[in-house]
Amino acid sequence: MKKRSFKLGFYFTLVVFAIMSASILLISPIMALTASRGHFAGMDIMATFVVLYLLSMVAGVTVSAIVGHRILKPILRFSDALKEVSAGNFQVQVPEDRRIEELSTMAKSFNRMVQQLQNTETVHGDFIANLSHEFKTPLASIEGYAVLLRDARLSREEHDEYVDRIIHATHRLSTLSGNILKISRLESQEIIPDQKPYRLDEQLRQAVLLLEGDWSRKNLEMNIDLQDVVYCGNDELLMQVWLNLLSNAIKFTPDGGTITVELTKSAGTVLAVIRDTGIGMDAETIEHIFDKFYQGDTSRKSEGNGLGLAIVSRIVKLCGGTVQVEAMPGAGSSFTVSLPQ
């Protein structure tokens, strides 16, 4: 950095000298004219030029040193910091306390940019790590049970149990792959295609019926209170929202619990609420519940892959709406989807 600083300072000094020399050349005819009229009587005009040029050199060095310290040094730090970022170091920061407002603004913008890149890199790393883990677990299960099936001494019950576990692990992989494709497609999407008017209340009833096997198996009570609502949107995308929210409610509600589904409309807004009497959530889980691969209840991790609510959040956002959650540990959860009509 010192070598580059010297070179930049040298070039800057040359520029200052060139400007001041040009100024002297421009002033010279005026001085010569003044001398010819006797205003410099008793003085050597060449000596005056030499003194003026020496003073210009001193002024040039002084100006170069000040400007080099105030401007060139921060620019060099920016250059070094940019090289660090291009090499993958997103921890680098540059000082923001500059007297020159423009340099201070540049420093603040640069630091914000690096922080955003660091956050993106962290999210990307977590995504890859979680994705690898999610694939590794069912694959290891399939391999392990497939090896056990080669044992000729297995009983019929053991054989069937291992086959069922392989099928379950294969289903997990299939669901995970499908969800990854969905979230990738949704994240690259900015508009909702194929929008058309349809009965939103009928769609919610259909979603409840599609999951009847799950909630009836746990003897859950379903309270359905739906106003007649005609909504213009993509019915396939929104069906994923209702199925994911209902599946979560069923999954985390103990046997004999209650799930409530409500749909209302007012002032150009449609509100869909799915409330359960399940295990609830703590504040930390609520904060991260819509993050990809996040699962607050690790004891039930084998039942999902943490992408369902991320898909819900993205679809609702594409629709121009919001999804909010209210919950307390042991007191159930309530998801409210607000859609503009």
Protein backbone atom coordinates (compact mmCIF):
# COMPACT_ATOMS: atom_id res chain seq x y z
CA MET A 1 0.00 0.00 0.00
CA LYS A 2 2.89 2.40 0.80
CA LYS A 3 4.36 1.89 -2.68
CA ARG A 4 1.03 2.55 -4.38
CA SER A 5 0.45 5.53 -2.07
CA PHE A 6 3.82 6.99 -3.10
CA LYS A 7 3.04 6.48 -6.81
CA LEU A 8 -0.38 8.09 -6.54
CA GLY A 9 1.08 10.96 -4.51
CA PHE A 10 3.82 11.43 -7.11
CA TYR A 11 1.34 11.48 -9.98
CA PHE A 12 -0.87 13.91 -8.09
CA THR A 13 2.13 16.18 -7.38
CA LEU A 14 3.02 16.17 -11.07
CA VAL A 15 -0.50 17.23 -11.89
CA VAL A 16 -0.31 20.08 -9.35
CA PHE A 17 3.06 21.17 -10.71
CA ALA A 18 1.73 21.12 -14.26
CA ILE A 19 -1.22 23.28 -13.28
CA MET A 20 0.94 25.77 -11.39
CA SER A 21 3.53 25.88 -14.18
CA ALA A 22 0.78 26.59 -16.67
CA SER A 23 -0.43 29.36 -14.40
CA ILE A 24 3.07 30.89 -14.34
CA LEU A 25 3.31 30.72 -18.11
CA LEU A 26 -0.01 32.49 -18.38
CA ILE A 27 1.06 35.16 -15.88
CA SER A 28 4.49 35.67 -17.47
CA PRO A 29 3.30 37.93 -20.33
CA ILE A 30 1.49 40.12 -17.82
CA MET A 31 4.62 40.38 -15.67
CA ALA A 32 6.76 41.14 -18.74
CA LEU A 33 4.34 43.87 -19.80
CA THR A 34 4.34 45.33 -16.30
CA ALA A 35 8.18 45.28 -16.17
CA SER A 36 8.43 47.01 -19.56
CA ARG A 37 6.44 49.89 -18.16
CA GLY A 38 8.89 50.35 -15.29
CA HIS A 39 6.90 48.84 -12.46
CA PHE A 40 9.77 46.45 -11.63
CA ALA A 41 12.57 49.02 -11.74
CA GLY A 42 15.75 47.82 -10.04
CA MET A 43 14.60 44.18 -10.00
CA ASP A 44 15.73 41.29 -12.17
CA ILE A 45 12.68 39.90 -13.95
CA MET A 46 14.29 36.41 -14.18
CA ALA A 47 14.95 36.36 -10.45
CA THR A 48 11.28 37.14 -9.91
CA PHE A 49 10.30 34.22 -12.10
CA VAL A 50 12.63 31.86 -10.20
CA VAL A 51 11.28 32.94 -6.85
CA LEU A 52 7.73 32.56 -8.10
CA TYR A 53 8.46 29.08 -9.45
CA LEU A 54 10.10 27.98 -6.18
CA LEU A 55 7.13 29.24 -4.22
CA SER A 56 4.90 27.28 -6.59
CA MET A 57 6.90 24.13 -5.89
CA VAL A 58 6.54 24.57 -2.14
CA ALA A 59 2.83 25.24 -2.50
CA GLY A 60 2.49 22.20 -4.78
CA VAL A 61 4.21 19.88 -2.32
CA THR A 62 2.07 21.19 0.53
CA VAL A 63 -1.17 20.82 -1.43
CA SER A 64 -0.16 17.35 -2.62
CA ALA A 65 0.62 16.17 0.90
CA ILE A 66 -2.67 17.46 2.31
CA VAL A 67 -4.83 16.14 -0.52
CA GLY A 68 -2.91 12.87 -0.62
CA HIS A 69 -3.58 12.29 3.06
CA ARG A 70 -7.23 13.36 2.95
CA ILE A 71 -8.29 11.74 -0.32
CA LEU A 72 -5.75 9.29 -1.71
CA LYS A 73 -5.33 7.26 1.49
CA PRO A 74 -9.07 6.50 1.88
CA ILE A 75 -9.26 5.60 -1.82
CA LEU A 76 -6.40 3.15 -1.37
CA ARG A 77 -8.19 1.60 1.60
CA PHE A 78 -11.29 1.21 -0.56
CA SER A 79 -9.17 -0.48 -3.21
CA ASP A 80 -7.69 -2.93 -0.70
CA ALA A 81 -11.10 -3.60 0.82
CA LEU A 82 -12.60 -4.34 -2.62
CA LYS A 83 -9.80 -6.82 -3.29
CA GLU A 84 -10.62 -8.55 0.00
CA VAL A 85 -14.30 -8.76 -0.94
CA SER A 86 -13.48 -10.14 -4.39
CA ALA A 87 -11.39 -12.81 -2.66
CA GLY A 88 -14.41 -13.84 -0.57
CA ASN A 89 -13.67 -11.98 2.67
CA PHE A 90 -16.96 -10.41 3.75
CA GLN A 91 -15.67 -9.42 7.20
CA VAL A 92 -13.73 -6.40 5.93
CA GLN A 93 -14.91 -2.92 6.93
CA VAL A 94 -13.63 0.59 6.16
CA PRO A 95 -13.66 3.57 8.57
CA GLU A 96 -16.75 5.76 8.22
CA ASP A 97 -15.58 8.79 10.22
CA ARG A 98 -14.30 10.91 7.33
CA ARG A 99 -14.31 14.69 7.29
CA ILE A 100 -15.14 14.68 3.60
CA GLU A 101 -18.85 13.91 3.39
CA GLU A 102 -18.63 12.07 0.06
CA LEU A 103 -15.95 9.69 1.40
CA SER A 104 -17.97 9.07 4.55
CA THR A 105 -21.06 8.25 2.46
CA MET A 106 -19.01 5.87 0.28
CA ALA A 107 -17.66 4.12 3.37
CA LYS A 108 -21.13 3.65 4.88
CA SER A 109 -22.51 2.30 1.59
CA PHE A 110 -19.56 -0.06 1.23
CA ASN A 111 -19.95 -1.42 4.77
CA ARG A 112 -23.67 -1.98 4.24
CA MET A 113 -22.95 -3.79 0.99
CA VAL A 114 -20.39 -6.08 2.64
CA GLN A 115 -22.79 -6.79 5.52
CA GLN A 116 -25.50 -7.76 3.04
CA LEU A 117 -23.06 -10.01 1.17
CA GLN A 118 -22.07 -11.62 4.45
CA ASN A 119 -25.70 -12.26 5.34
CA THR A 120 -26.34 -13.74 1.89
CA GLU A 121 -23.28 -15.95 2.19
CA THR A 122 -24.41 -17.15 5.62
CA VAL A 123 -27.89 -17.97 4.35
CA HIS A 124 -26.43 -19.75 1.32
CA GLY A 125 -24.06 -21.77 3.50
CA ASP A 126 -26.84 -22.72 5.90
CA PHE A 127 -29.05 -23.71 2.98
CA ILE A 128 -26.39 -26.02 1.51
CA ALA A 129 -25.59 -27.52 4.92
CA ASN A 130 -29.24 -28.14 5.75
CA LEU A 131 -29.95 -29.48 2.29
CA SER A 132 -27.05 -31.93 2.54
CA HIS A 133 -28.23 -33.07 5.96
CA GLU A 134 -31.84 -33.47 4.82
CA PHE A 135 -30.78 -35.68 1.91
CA LYS A 136 -28.17 -37.59 3.89
CA THR A 137 -30.52 -38.81 6.63
CA PRO A 138 -33.12 -40.63 4.48
CA LEU A 139 -30.44 -41.93 2.11
CA ALA A 140 -28.57 -43.46 5.04
CA SER A 141 -31.84 -44.96 6.26
CA ILE A 142 -32.60 -46.49 2.87
CA GLU A 143 -29.09 -47.92 2.59
CA GLY A 144 -29.16 -49.36 6.11
CA TYR A 145 -32.53 -51.09 5.75
CA ALA A 146 -31.67 -52.32 2.25
CA VAL A 147 -28.57 -54.05 3.69
CA LEU A 148 -30.68 -55.62 6.45
CA LEU A 149 -33.11 -56.98 3.88
CA ARG A 150 -30.34 -59.15 2.44
CA ASP A 151 -30.38 -61.24 5.62
CA ALA A 152 -32.22 -64.47 4.76
CA ARG A 153 -32.98 -65.10 8.44
CA LEU A 154 -35.40 -62.16 8.67
CA SER A 155 -38.92 -62.89 9.77
CA ARG A 156 -41.82 -61.75 7.64
CA GLU A 157 -42.70 -59.03 10.15
CA GLU A 158 -39.12 -57.67 10.16
CA HIS A 159 -39.00 -57.80 6.38
CA ASP A 160 -42.24 -55.83 6.04
CA GLU A 161 -41.14 -53.31 8.67
CA TYR A 162 -37.86 -52.59 6.86
CA VAL A 163 -39.67 -52.24 3.54
CA ASP A 164 -42.11 -49.77 5.11
CA ARG A 165 -39.22 -47.72 6.50
CA ILE A 166 -37.54 -47.64 3.10
CA ILE A 167 -40.81 -46.49 1.53
CA HIS A 168 -41.15 -43.80 4.22
CA ALA A 169 -37.58 -42.56 3.63
CA THR A 170 -38.14 -42.56 -0.13
CA HIS A 171 -41.30 -40.52 0.37
CA ARG A 172 -39.32 -38.00 2.45
CA LEU A 173 -36.77 -37.64 -0.35
CA SER A 174 -39.51 -37.20 -2.93
CA THR A 175 -41.26 -34.55 -0.81
CA LEU A 176 -37.99 -32.75 -0.11
CA SER A 177 -37.03 -32.68 -3.80
CA GLY A 178 -40.48 -31.38 -4.74
CA ASN A 179 -40.37 -28.66 -2.08
CA ILE A 180 -36.89 -27.54 -3.14
CA LEU A 181 -38.08 -27.21 -6.72
CA LYS A 182 -41.13 -25.27 -5.54
CA ILE A 183 -39.19 -22.82 -3.36
CA SER A 184 -36.56 -22.30 -6.09
CA ARG A 185 -39.22 -21.58 -8.68
CA LEU A 186 -41.13 -19.27 -6.35
CA GLU A 187 -38.02 -17.29 -5.37
CA SER A 188 -37.28 -16.58 -9.04
CA GLN A 189 -40.90 -15.56 -9.64
CA GLU A 190 -42.11 -11.97 -9.32
CA ILE A 191 -45.69 -12.16 -10.56
CA ILE A 192 -48.59 -14.59 -10.11
CA PRO A 193 -49.47 -16.34 -13.39
CA ASP A 194 -52.87 -17.66 -14.49
CA GLN A 195 -54.99 -15.59 -12.13
CA LYS A 196 -58.72 -16.13 -12.27
CA PRO A 197 -61.72 -15.62 -9.95
CA TYR A 198 -62.79 -18.64 -7.88
CA ARG A 199 -64.51 -19.49 -4.59
CA LEU A 200 -61.88 -19.27 -1.86
CA ASP A 201 -64.20 -20.74 0.78
CA GLU A 202 -64.78 -23.83 -1.39
CA GLN A 203 -61.03 -24.21 -1.83
CA LEU A 204 -60.52 -24.22 1.95
CA ARG A 205 -63.24 -26.85 2.38
CA GLN A 206 -61.55 -28.95 -0.29
CA ALA A 207 -58.19 -28.65 1.51
CA VAL A 208 -59.79 -29.82 4.77
CA LEU A 209 -61.36 -32.81 2.98
CA LEU A 210 -58.07 -33.74 1.30
CA LEU A 211 -56.49 -34.08 4.75
CA GLU A 212 -59.45 -35.87 6.33
CA GLY A 213 -57.48 -39.08 6.73
CA ASP A 214 -54.85 -37.28 8.83
CA TRP A 215 -57.14 -35.36 11.19
CA SER A 216 -59.70 -38.15 11.59
CA ARG A 217 -56.91 -40.56 12.52
CA LYS A 218 -56.10 -38.30 15.49
CA ASN A 219 -59.76 -37.70 16.36
CA LEU A 220 -59.38 -33.94 15.86
CA GLU A 221 -62.41 -31.70 15.93
CA MET A 222 -62.61 -29.39 12.89
CA ASN A 223 -64.47 -26.11 13.38
CA ILE A 224 -65.14 -24.57 9.97
CA ASP A 225 -66.55 -21.04 9.71
CA LEU A 226 -66.20 -19.68 6.15
CA GLN A 227 -67.86 -16.68 4.55
CA ASP A 228 -68.60 -16.83 0.83
CA VAL A 229 -65.56 -15.23 -0.81
CA VAL A 230 -64.75 -14.90 -4.50
CA TYR A 231 -61.03 -14.31 -4.89
CA CYS A 232 -58.98 -13.62 -8.04
CA GLY A 233 -55.68 -15.48 -7.96
CA ASN A 234 -53.82 -18.66 -8.81
CA ASP A 235 -55.80 -21.46 -7.16
CA GLU A 236 -52.98 -24.03 -7.40
CA LEU A 237 -50.50 -21.82 -5.55
CA LEU A 238 -52.95 -20.87 -2.80
CA MET A 239 -53.97 -24.50 -2.33
CA GLN A 240 -50.34 -25.15 -1.32
CA VAL A 241 -50.71 -22.46 1.36
CA TRP A 242 -53.82 -24.04 2.91
CA LEU A 243 -52.47 -27.60 2.72
CA ASN A 244 -49.19 -26.61 4.38
CA LEU A 245 -50.87 -24.65 7.18
CA LEU A 246 -53.47 -27.35 7.83
CA SER A 247 -50.85 -30.11 7.73
CA ASN A 248 -48.79 -28.28 10.34
CA ALA A 249 -51.83 -27.75 12.54
CA ILE A 250 -52.71 -31.44 12.35
CA LYS A 251 -49.12 -32.52 12.95
CA PHE A 252 -48.63 -30.46 16.11
CA THR A 253 -52.08 -30.92 17.65
CA PRO A 254 -52.39 -33.88 20.04
CA ASP A 255 -55.13 -36.49 19.71
CA GLY A 256 -58.58 -35.12 20.54
CA GLY A 257 -57.56 -31.50 19.91
CA THR A 258 -59.34 -28.85 17.88
CA ILE A 259 -58.49 -27.03 14.66
CA THR A 260 -60.45 -23.93 13.63
CA VAL A 261 -60.58 -22.61 10.07
CA GLU A 262 -62.11 -19.16 9.52
CA LEU A 263 -62.53 -17.02 6.41
CA THR A 264 -63.80 -13.43 6.45
CA LYS A 265 -63.69 -10.40 4.18
CA SER A 266 -63.85 -6.69 4.91
CA ALA A 267 -62.67 -3.42 3.33
CA GLY A 268 -60.99 -5.04 0.34
CA THR A 269 -59.12 -7.61 2.43
CA VAL A 270 -59.61 -11.35 2.84
CA LEU A 271 -58.55 -12.90 6.16
CA ALA A 272 -58.01 -16.65 6.53
CA VAL A 273 -57.22 -17.93 10.02
CA ILE A 274 -56.09 -21.45 10.87
CA ARG A 275 -55.94 -21.97 14.64
CA ASP A 276 -55.05 -25.11 16.59
CA THR A 277 -54.82 -26.31 20.21
CA GLY A 278 -51.41 -27.87 19.71
CA ILE A 279 -48.01 -27.52 21.35
CA GLY A 280 -47.58 -23.85 20.40
CA MET A 281 -44.26 -22.05 19.90
CA ASP A 282 -41.81 -19.95 21.85
CA ALA A 283 -40.62 -16.49 20.79
CA GLU A 284 -37.45 -17.76 19.11
CA THR A 285 -39.39 -20.25 16.99
CA ILE A 286 -41.88 -17.57 15.94
CA GLU A 287 -39.00 -15.33 14.85
CA HIS A 288 -37.57 -17.99 12.50
CA ILE A 289 -40.66 -20.01 11.64
CA PHE A 290 -40.71 -18.90 7.98
CA ASP A 291 -36.96 -19.49 7.42
CA LYS A 292 -36.01 -22.29 5.07
CA PHE A 293 -35.20 -25.60 6.83
CA TYR A 294 -36.02 -24.16 10.26
CA GLN A 295 -37.81 -26.57 12.58
CA GLY A 296 -38.53 -25.43 16.11
CA ASP A 297 -39.71 -28.81 17.40
CA THR A 298 -36.64 -30.99 16.81
CA SER A 299 -38.34 -33.99 18.40
CA ARG A 300 -40.68 -34.10 15.37
CA LYS A 301 -37.98 -33.40 12.77
CA SER A 302 -38.50 -36.69 10.94
CA GLU A 303 -42.02 -35.56 9.99
CA GLY A 304 -40.95 -32.60 7.84
CA ASN A 305 -38.09 -30.75 6.21
CA GLY A 306 -38.70 -27.13 7.24
CA LEU A 307 -39.68 -25.86 3.79
CA GLY A 308 -43.47 -25.83 4.06
CA LEU A 309 -43.83 -22.49 5.83
CA ALA A 310 -41.11 -20.91 3.68
CA ILE A 311 -43.24 -21.84 0.66
CA VAL A 312 -46.32 -20.40 2.38
CA SER A 313 -44.54 -17.12 3.10
CA ARG A 314 -43.27 -16.74 -0.46
CA ILE A 315 -46.63 -17.50 -2.10
CA VAL A 316 -48.49 -15.08 0.16
CA LYS A 317 -45.89 -12.38 -0.53
CA LEU A 318 -46.27 -12.92 -4.29
CA CYS A 319 -50.03 -12.42 -3.82
CA GLY A 320 -49.31 -9.07 -2.18
CA GLY A 321 -50.47 -10.32 1.21
CA THR A 322 -49.02 -11.12 4.61
CA VAL A 323 -48.93 -14.12 6.91
CA GLN A 324 -48.66 -13.67 10.67
CA VAL A 325 -48.41 -16.11 13.53
CA GLU A 326 -49.48 -15.87 17.17
CA ALA A 327 -48.53 -18.62 19.58
CA MET A 328 -47.45 -19.53 23.09
CA PRO A 329 -45.81 -22.72 24.33
CA GLY A 330 -48.53 -25.24 25.18
CA ALA A 331 -51.34 -22.89 24.10
CA GLY A 332 -51.60 -23.63 20.38
CA SER A 333 -50.81 -21.54 17.32
CA SER A 334 -52.79 -19.23 15.04
CA PHE A 335 -51.76 -18.38 11.47
CA THR A 336 -53.51 -15.43 9.79
CA VAL A 337 -53.22 -14.98 6.03
CA SER A 338 -54.25 -11.53 4.77
CA LEU A 339 -54.86 -11.18 1.02
CA PRO A 340 -55.83 -8.02 -0.90
CA GLN A 341 -59.06 -8.48 -2.82
